[in-house]
Amino acid sequence: MDLGDITKMENRIGKESERIIGGKTREEWLNALLRIIAPVMESLGRGELKKRMPLDFHEDRKEYAPLEAFGRSMLGLAPWLEAEGVCGEEKGLQEKYRKLAVLCMDRAADPDSPDYMGFARGGQNLVDTAFLSHALVRAPRHLAEALPDAARNNLIRALKCTRDFIPGESNWILFSAMVEAGLYVLGEAEFDKMRIVYALRTFDDWYKGDGVYGDGAIFHWDYYNSFVIQPMYVDLMDLFGDMSDEFRMLKPKVLKRAVRYAAILERMIAPDGTWPILGRSICYRFGAFQMLAQAALEHRLPDSLHPAQVRCALTAVLEKVMQAPDMFDQNGWLQPGVYGCQPELAEGYINTGSLYLCTALFLPLGLPADDEFWSGEEEAWSSLKVWSGGQICRDHAID
């Protein structure tokens, strides 16, 4: 895709997005996802992300913002890029974004590009290289395998740059492991198995019970089990769980814990689509429900949760957040907050790019339209059932 193709896409995307809004939930989700990521992807495709992106919020973090915005946008977009069986106007949009995503990967990893991301600069770039690598894991055919040789080689070198940073004893050890998973998916023979082994073993040691891990040895009341820990742990286990008898035995436990945590997340969604505002990084908005979205994508919901019930719950969350009039600035970029612009909620490490972790809600777009998640009849979620006098099953901890 060249610059002319991108310009044509920019001119048509708005009209096409308008046409796909037809009251159907999948169309509503897709429209919301494209609205969020379009400024990032279109600017990077032009080689103008650093030029166009607002960098004045927590300006001391501006050098990290472009990779944060791109890696986190790709994290949520990847399953839709990988989805098969898409048809109609959605298929046209998917094909355009597949091409644009490959172009953006090239722009980000090419040292001669004006939007080269500088992967080796500081520990924060390890974080967002890991999110970008998770996108490769989620879209191996239409992202990793679709890269031209030069772009793939540049990306491999970029990912390896982050090895110079040694992560602390926290969720960051999963970032190092996920970068190695990205190298593996790219076909790099020299990926570091020990970084993966260390992460898989360590988080088993940090398990606190009832589907929840510590972020380090200490438990934190926040959503990092969903922002990072459980989604990465599950996907790493899916990729590498057969490398030894040790991990073959551990894998069912990891998956059982993830299913339990997904059930907990569903029960946190209030009847009006709100949820408890707890812990750090709450400005990642509905990215807090990544593990529930991933469980739906991977058909790993607990038996007590019907896929359509989860769809309705997550749609309530999506609609609640998106209705805030100042969620976006005048040029379509995300602003910090949970419900609209609330910059006081943003920790010092959060900049405009950080906010794009909210795309993790949209993982079920990787399911075909006829999947039960999309096609099932509308069903109230747990809190809505209870607070309207309905019936749900009792909740119990797992062993």
Protein backbone atom coordinates (compact mmCIF):
# COMPACT_ATOMS: atom_id res chain seq x y z
CA MET A 1 0.00 0.00 0.00
CA ASP A 2 1.46 3.39 -0.98
CA LEU A 3 0.57 6.88 0.22
CA GLY A 4 -2.07 7.30 -2.45
CA ASP A 5 -3.85 4.16 -1.30
CA ILE A 6 -3.85 5.45 2.29
CA THR A 7 -5.30 8.80 1.20
CA LYS A 8 -8.12 7.02 -0.65
CA MET A 9 -8.74 4.87 2.41
CA GLU A 10 -8.89 7.94 4.67
CA ASN A 11 -11.47 9.52 2.39
CA ARG A 12 -13.61 6.37 2.30
CA ILE A 13 -13.27 5.03 5.82
CA GLY A 14 -15.70 7.52 7.33
CA LYS A 15 -18.43 6.81 4.79
CA GLU A 16 -17.96 3.06 5.04
CA SER A 17 -17.98 3.21 8.83
CA GLU A 18 -21.25 5.11 8.70
CA ARG A 19 -22.79 2.43 6.50
CA ILE A 20 -21.81 -0.43 8.79
CA ILE A 21 -23.59 1.18 11.75
CA GLY A 22 -26.89 -0.61 11.45
CA GLY A 23 -27.85 -1.30 15.04
CA LYS A 24 -26.19 -4.72 15.01
CA THR A 25 -23.79 -5.29 17.84
CA ARG A 26 -20.85 -6.53 15.77
CA GLU A 27 -21.10 -3.48 13.54
CA GLU A 28 -21.23 -1.23 16.58
CA TRP A 29 -18.09 -2.86 17.98
CA LEU A 30 -16.20 -2.63 14.71
CA ASN A 31 -17.14 0.98 14.23
CA ALA A 32 -15.92 1.80 17.76
CA LEU A 33 -12.62 -0.03 17.26
CA LEU A 34 -11.90 1.73 13.97
CA ARG A 35 -12.81 5.10 15.45
CA ILE A 36 -10.28 4.55 18.23
CA ILE A 37 -7.36 3.28 16.18
CA ALA A 38 -7.79 5.19 12.91
CA PRO A 39 -5.70 8.24 13.91
CA VAL A 40 -2.84 5.98 15.01
CA MET A 41 -2.85 3.66 12.02
CA GLU A 42 -3.47 6.29 9.34
CA SER A 43 -0.80 8.63 10.71
CA LEU A 44 1.77 5.86 10.98
CA GLY A 45 0.91 4.60 7.51
CA ARG A 46 1.78 8.06 6.21
CA GLY A 47 5.01 8.14 8.21
CA GLU A 48 3.57 11.03 10.26
CA LEU A 49 2.66 9.52 13.63
CA LYS A 50 5.27 11.47 15.58
CA LYS A 51 4.24 14.61 13.73
CA ARG A 52 0.47 14.26 14.23
CA MET A 53 0.12 12.60 17.61
CA PRO A 54 -0.53 14.89 20.59
CA LEU A 55 2.49 14.64 22.87
CA ASP A 56 1.81 17.40 25.38
CA PHE A 57 0.14 15.23 28.04
CA HIS A 58 2.87 14.11 30.47
CA GLU A 59 5.38 15.48 27.99
CA ASP A 60 8.32 13.85 29.76
CA ARG A 61 7.00 10.52 28.39
CA LYS A 62 6.57 11.67 24.80
CA GLU A 63 9.44 9.60 23.40
CA TYR A 64 7.53 6.43 24.30
CA ALA A 65 4.09 7.53 23.14
CA PRO A 66 4.24 6.47 19.45
CA LEU A 67 5.22 2.86 20.20
CA GLU A 68 2.69 2.74 23.05
CA ALA A 69 -0.11 3.86 20.74
CA PHE A 70 0.88 1.50 17.93
CA GLY A 71 1.62 -1.60 19.99
CA ARG A 72 -1.56 -1.28 21.99
CA SER A 73 -3.72 -0.54 18.95
CA MET A 74 -2.38 -3.68 17.28
CA LEU A 75 -3.01 -5.73 20.43
CA GLY A 76 -6.77 -5.34 20.04
CA LEU A 77 -6.89 -5.17 16.26
CA ALA A 78 -4.96 -8.39 15.57
CA PRO A 79 -7.73 -10.99 16.05
CA TRP A 80 -9.98 -9.15 13.59
CA LEU A 81 -7.13 -9.06 11.05
CA GLU A 82 -6.78 -12.83 11.50
CA ALA A 83 -10.51 -13.57 11.30
CA GLU A 84 -11.78 -15.69 8.40
CA GLY A 85 -15.23 -15.72 6.87
CA VAL A 86 -15.73 -11.96 7.01
CA CYS A 87 -17.94 -10.71 4.20
CA GLY A 88 -19.62 -7.64 2.74
CA GLU A 89 -18.46 -4.15 3.64
CA GLU A 90 -16.64 -5.50 6.69
CA LYS A 91 -14.46 -7.63 4.39
CA GLY A 92 -13.39 -4.55 2.48
CA LEU A 93 -12.43 -2.78 5.67
CA GLN A 94 -10.57 -5.83 6.91
CA GLU A 95 -8.49 -6.09 3.73
CA LYS A 96 -7.54 -2.42 3.96
CA TYR A 97 -6.49 -2.70 7.58
CA ARG A 98 -4.52 -5.86 6.90
CA LYS A 99 -2.47 -3.97 4.32
CA LEU A 100 -2.21 -0.90 6.52
CA ALA A 101 -1.05 -2.96 9.52
CA VAL A 102 1.78 -4.49 7.49
CA LEU A 103 2.78 -1.06 6.24
CA CYS A 104 2.73 0.32 9.77
CA MET A 105 4.94 -2.53 11.00
CA ASP A 106 7.40 -1.61 8.29
CA ARG A 107 7.31 2.09 9.20
CA ALA A 108 7.78 1.36 12.91
CA ALA A 109 10.75 -1.00 12.55
CA ASP A 110 12.64 0.63 9.66
CA PRO A 111 15.57 2.67 11.07
CA ASP A 112 15.29 5.01 8.07
CA SER A 113 11.61 5.75 8.68
CA PRO A 114 10.60 9.09 10.25
CA ASP A 115 8.40 7.03 12.57
CA TYR A 116 11.06 4.52 13.63
CA MET A 117 10.11 3.61 17.18
CA GLY A 118 13.55 3.45 18.80
CA PHE A 119 12.91 0.10 20.46
CA ALA A 120 16.11 0.15 22.53
CA ARG A 121 15.38 3.42 24.36
CA GLY A 122 14.38 2.62 27.94
CA GLY A 123 12.38 -0.04 29.69
CA GLN A 124 9.00 1.33 28.60
CA ASN A 125 9.74 0.21 25.05
CA LEU A 126 10.05 -3.36 26.33
CA VAL A 127 6.44 -3.07 27.53
CA ASP A 128 5.02 -1.95 24.22
CA THR A 129 7.24 -4.16 22.10
CA ALA A 130 5.62 -6.97 24.09
CA PHE A 131 2.13 -5.71 23.26
CA LEU A 132 3.16 -5.54 19.60
CA SER A 133 4.55 -9.07 19.88
CA HIS A 134 1.27 -10.24 21.40
CA ALA A 135 -0.42 -8.92 18.26
CA LEU A 136 1.91 -11.09 16.17
CA VAL A 137 0.94 -14.10 18.29
CA ARG A 138 -2.75 -13.29 17.76
CA ALA A 139 -2.39 -12.82 13.99
CA PRO A 140 0.38 -15.17 12.81
CA ARG A 141 -0.90 -15.51 9.23
CA HIS A 142 -2.14 -12.06 8.32
CA LEU A 143 0.45 -10.12 10.28
CA ALA A 144 3.63 -12.08 11.01
CA GLU A 145 3.65 -14.15 7.81
CA ALA A 146 2.41 -11.24 5.67
CA LEU A 147 5.47 -9.10 6.34
CA PRO A 148 7.92 -8.67 3.44
CA ASP A 149 11.37 -10.07 4.17
CA ALA A 150 12.99 -6.67 4.75
CA ALA A 151 10.26 -5.61 7.18
CA ARG A 152 10.43 -8.95 9.00
CA ASN A 153 14.19 -8.69 9.40
CA ASN A 154 13.90 -5.11 10.68
CA LEU A 155 11.23 -6.17 13.16
CA ILE A 156 13.33 -9.10 14.40
CA ARG A 157 16.25 -6.74 15.03
CA ALA A 158 13.91 -4.30 16.77
CA LEU A 159 12.49 -6.95 19.09
CA LYS A 160 15.97 -8.16 20.01
CA CYS A 161 16.94 -4.61 21.04
CA THR A 162 14.70 -4.89 24.07
CA ARG A 163 16.79 -7.73 25.50
CA ASP A 164 19.18 -5.11 26.88
CA PHE A 165 16.61 -4.21 29.52
CA ILE A 166 16.30 -6.52 32.52
CA PRO A 167 12.73 -6.52 33.88
CA GLY A 168 11.96 -6.30 37.56
CA GLU A 169 10.08 -8.92 39.56
CA SER A 170 6.61 -7.97 38.34
CA ASN A 171 4.35 -8.43 35.33
CA TRP A 172 7.29 -7.12 33.30
CA ILE A 173 8.84 -10.59 33.16
CA LEU A 174 5.89 -11.51 30.93
CA PHE A 175 6.87 -8.69 28.59
CA SER A 176 10.31 -10.23 28.10
CA ALA A 177 8.72 -13.63 27.49
CA MET A 178 6.17 -12.25 25.03
CA VAL A 179 8.88 -10.54 22.99
CA GLU A 180 10.55 -13.94 22.61
CA ALA A 181 7.17 -15.37 21.56
CA GLY A 182 7.00 -12.67 18.91
CA LEU A 183 10.41 -13.69 17.63
CA TYR A 184 9.25 -17.30 17.55
CA VAL A 185 6.16 -16.43 15.51
CA LEU A 186 8.33 -14.41 13.12
CA GLY A 187 10.37 -17.55 12.46
CA GLU A 188 13.47 -16.50 14.38
CA ALA A 189 15.31 -19.65 15.44
CA GLU A 190 17.30 -17.85 18.12
CA PHE A 191 14.46 -16.97 20.46
CA ASP A 192 15.32 -17.23 24.15
CA LYS A 193 13.44 -20.13 25.73
CA MET A 194 14.76 -19.36 29.19
CA ARG A 195 12.95 -16.00 29.35
CA ILE A 196 9.75 -17.88 28.58
CA VAL A 197 10.45 -20.66 31.07
CA TYR A 198 11.24 -18.13 33.79
CA ALA A 199 7.93 -16.32 33.26
CA LEU A 200 5.85 -19.50 33.21
CA ARG A 201 7.42 -20.81 36.41
CA THR A 202 7.46 -17.52 38.29
CA PHE A 203 3.80 -16.67 37.83
CA ASP A 204 2.81 -20.09 39.04
CA ASP A 205 4.72 -19.26 42.21
CA TRP A 206 2.87 -15.93 42.44
CA TYR A 207 -0.59 -17.48 42.21
CA LYS A 208 -2.68 -16.22 45.15
CA GLY A 209 -5.76 -18.41 44.75
CA ASP A 210 -9.25 -18.22 43.27
CA GLY A 211 -8.06 -17.26 39.79
CA VAL A 212 -5.81 -14.34 40.75
CA TYR A 213 -2.04 -13.79 40.56
CA GLY A 214 0.14 -11.36 42.43
CA ASP A 215 2.02 -8.75 40.44
CA GLY A 216 5.22 -9.92 42.02
CA ALA A 217 4.99 -11.63 45.37
CA ILE A 218 2.43 -9.08 46.58
CA PHE A 219 -1.25 -8.91 45.62
CA HIS A 220 -2.57 -5.60 44.24
CA TRP A 221 -6.20 -4.54 43.90
CA ASP A 222 -6.09 -3.47 40.26
CA TYR A 223 -6.81 -4.87 36.80
CA TYR A 224 -3.30 -6.01 35.86
CA ASN A 225 -4.48 -9.62 35.91
CA SER A 226 -6.50 -8.54 32.86
CA PHE A 227 -4.34 -5.79 31.37
CA VAL A 228 -1.30 -8.09 31.17
CA ILE A 229 -0.91 -11.13 33.37
CA GLN A 230 -3.62 -13.63 32.50
CA PRO A 231 -3.90 -12.90 28.73
CA MET A 232 -0.14 -13.17 28.22
CA TYR A 233 0.24 -16.16 30.53
CA VAL A 234 -2.52 -18.09 28.74
CA ASP A 235 -1.19 -17.36 25.25
CA LEU A 236 2.39 -18.16 26.23
CA MET A 237 1.17 -21.44 27.69
CA ASP A 238 -0.74 -22.19 24.48
CA LEU A 239 2.42 -21.62 22.43
CA PHE A 240 4.98 -23.29 24.68
CA GLY A 241 3.03 -25.50 27.08
CA ASP A 242 4.19 -28.65 25.33
CA MET A 243 7.90 -27.93 25.66
CA SER A 244 8.18 -30.09 28.80
CA ASP A 245 6.21 -32.38 31.09
CA GLU A 246 6.40 -29.64 33.72
CA PHE A 247 4.37 -27.23 31.59
CA ARG A 248 2.04 -29.88 30.23
CA MET A 249 0.99 -30.49 33.83
CA LEU A 250 0.78 -26.79 34.63
CA LYS A 251 -1.23 -25.76 31.56
CA PRO A 252 -4.67 -27.05 32.73
CA LYS A 253 -4.23 -25.17 36.01
CA VAL A 254 -3.37 -21.93 34.20
CA LEU A 255 -6.40 -22.26 31.96
CA LYS A 256 -8.71 -23.08 34.88
CA ARG A 257 -7.52 -19.98 36.72
CA ALA A 258 -8.12 -17.83 33.63
CA VAL A 259 -11.66 -19.17 33.26
CA ARG A 260 -12.35 -18.31 36.90
CA TYR A 261 -10.95 -14.82 36.49
CA ALA A 262 -13.10 -14.26 33.40
CA ALA A 263 -16.15 -15.18 35.47
CA ILE A 264 -15.11 -12.68 38.15
CA LEU A 265 -14.75 -9.93 35.56
CA GLU A 266 -18.24 -10.59 34.20
CA ARG A 267 -19.72 -10.22 37.69
CA MET A 268 -17.95 -6.86 38.08
CA ILE A 269 -20.01 -5.33 35.26
CA ALA A 270 -22.88 -3.41 36.84
CA PRO A 271 -26.38 -3.22 35.33
CA ASP A 272 -25.53 0.15 33.73
CA GLY A 273 -22.22 -1.00 32.22
CA THR A 274 -19.98 0.57 34.85
CA TRP A 275 -17.42 -1.32 36.94
CA PRO A 276 -15.36 -0.71 40.13
CA ILE A 277 -12.69 1.94 39.65
CA LEU A 278 -9.83 0.22 41.45
CA GLY A 279 -6.06 0.45 41.28
CA ARG A 280 -3.56 1.93 38.91
CA SER A 281 -3.81 2.46 35.16
CA ILE A 282 -7.59 2.77 35.29
CA CYS A 283 -7.33 5.13 32.29
CA TYR A 284 -6.93 2.06 30.11
CA ARG A 285 -10.72 2.09 30.30
CA PHE A 286 -12.43 -1.09 29.08
CA GLY A 287 -9.06 -2.74 28.53
CA ALA A 288 -9.78 -3.90 32.08
CA PHE A 289 -11.91 -6.66 30.52
CA GLN A 290 -9.25 -8.13 28.24
CA MET A 291 -9.30 -11.56 29.91
CA LEU A 292 -13.06 -11.83 29.62
CA ALA A 293 -12.83 -10.81 25.96
CA GLN A 294 -10.01 -13.30 25.37
CA ALA A 295 -11.92 -16.11 27.05
CA ALA A 296 -14.78 -15.40 24.64
CA LEU A 297 -12.42 -15.30 21.65
CA GLU A 298 -10.81 -18.60 22.59
CA HIS A 299 -14.07 -20.33 23.55
CA ARG A 300 -12.92 -20.66 27.15
CA LEU A 301 -15.81 -19.10 29.01
CA PRO A 302 -17.04 -20.95 32.10
CA ASP A 303 -20.12 -23.12 31.61
CA SER A 304 -22.12 -20.67 33.71
CA LEU A 305 -21.58 -17.86 31.17
CA HIS A 306 -23.27 -18.01 27.79
CA PRO A 307 -21.30 -16.26 25.03
CA ALA A 308 -24.24 -13.98 24.17
CA GLN A 309 -24.49 -12.98 27.83
CA VAL A 310 -20.85 -11.89 27.75
CA ARG A 311 -21.44 -10.03 24.49
CA CYS A 312 -24.28 -8.08 26.08
CA ALA A 313 -22.22 -7.32 29.19
CA LEU A 314 -19.23 -6.06 27.21
CA THR A 315 -21.51 -4.08 24.89
CA ALA A 316 -22.96 -2.32 27.93
CA VAL A 317 -19.42 -1.41 29.01
CA LEU A 318 -18.53 -0.23 25.51
CA GLU A 319 -21.62 1.91 25.12
CA LYS A 320 -21.27 3.47 28.57
CA VAL A 321 -17.69 4.57 27.96
CA MET A 322 -18.15 5.66 24.35
CA GLN A 323 -21.08 7.93 25.15
CA ALA A 324 -18.85 10.38 27.03
CA PRO A 325 -18.59 13.46 24.78
CA ASP A 326 -14.94 14.24 25.53
CA MET A 327 -13.39 10.77 25.25
CA PHE A 328 -11.63 12.02 22.08
CA ASP A 329 -10.00 15.35 21.30
CA GLN A 330 -11.00 17.45 18.30
CA ASN A 331 -8.73 15.39 16.03
CA GLY A 332 -9.97 11.99 17.20
CA TRP A 333 -7.16 11.08 19.62
CA LEU A 334 -8.00 9.47 22.95
CA GLN A 335 -7.91 11.66 26.04
CA PRO A 336 -7.01 10.40 29.54
CA GLY A 337 -9.81 9.27 31.80
CA VAL A 338 -12.40 6.54 32.29
CA TYR A 339 -15.57 8.39 31.40
CA GLY A 340 -14.47 11.22 29.14
CA CYS A 341 -11.43 13.39 29.88
CA GLN A 342 -10.30 12.97 33.50
CA PRO A 343 -6.54 13.64 33.45
CA GLU A 344 -6.27 13.53 37.24
CA LEU A 345 -6.79 9.74 37.01
CA ALA A 346 -3.62 9.23 34.96
CA GLU A 347 -0.43 8.18 36.71
CA GLY A 348 2.80 9.89 35.72
CA TYR A 349 3.81 7.05 33.41
CA ILE A 350 0.65 7.38 31.30
CA ASN A 351 0.65 9.44 28.12
CA THR A 352 -1.70 9.62 25.15
CA GLY A 353 -0.23 6.45 23.65
CA SER A 354 -0.82 4.46 26.82
CA LEU A 355 -4.57 4.88 26.53
CA TYR A 356 -4.84 2.62 23.48
CA LEU A 357 -4.73 -0.50 25.65
CA CYS A 358 -8.51 -0.05 25.68
CA THR A 359 -8.55 -1.88 22.32
CA ALA A 360 -8.20 -5.16 24.22
CA LEU A 361 -11.98 -5.19 24.66
CA PHE A 362 -12.45 -5.89 20.94
CA LEU A 363 -10.79 -9.32 20.78
CA PRO A 364 -14.09 -11.15 20.01
CA LEU A 365 -14.15 -9.47 16.59
CA GLY A 366 -11.80 -12.32 15.74
CA LEU A 367 -14.80 -14.66 15.90
CA PRO A 368 -16.94 -15.14 12.77
CA ALA A 369 -20.30 -13.39 12.64
CA ASP A 370 -22.15 -16.70 12.95
CA ASP A 371 -20.35 -17.64 16.17
CA GLU A 372 -22.67 -17.93 19.15
CA PHE A 373 -20.98 -14.91 20.72
CA TRP A 374 -22.43 -12.71 17.96
CA SER A 375 -25.47 -14.70 16.84
CA GLY A 376 -26.96 -15.72 20.21
CA GLU A 377 -30.12 -14.09 21.47
CA GLU A 378 -29.65 -11.13 23.81
CA GLU A 379 -29.27 -12.18 27.43
CA ALA A 380 -28.86 -10.18 30.62
CA TRP A 381 -25.51 -10.44 32.38
CA SER A 382 -25.14 -11.50 36.01
CA SER A 383 -25.62 -8.20 37.82
CA LEU A 384 -28.46 -7.13 35.56
CA LYS A 385 -30.24 -10.42 36.24
CA VAL A 386 -29.85 -10.13 39.99
CA TRP A 387 -30.82 -6.47 40.29
CA SER A 388 -33.91 -7.00 38.18
CA GLY A 389 -35.07 -9.92 40.32
CA GLY A 390 -33.77 -12.68 38.05
CA GLN A 391 -31.91 -15.88 38.84
CA ILE A 392 -28.21 -16.73 38.58
CA CYS A 393 -26.09 -19.54 39.92
CA ARG A 394 -24.22 -19.18 43.20
CA ASP A 395 -20.60 -18.08 42.97
CA HIS A 396 -17.83 -20.24 44.46
CA ALA A 397 -14.07 -20.06 44.63
CA ILE A 398 -11.96 -22.63 42.82
CA ASP A 399 -9.43 -24.78 44.62
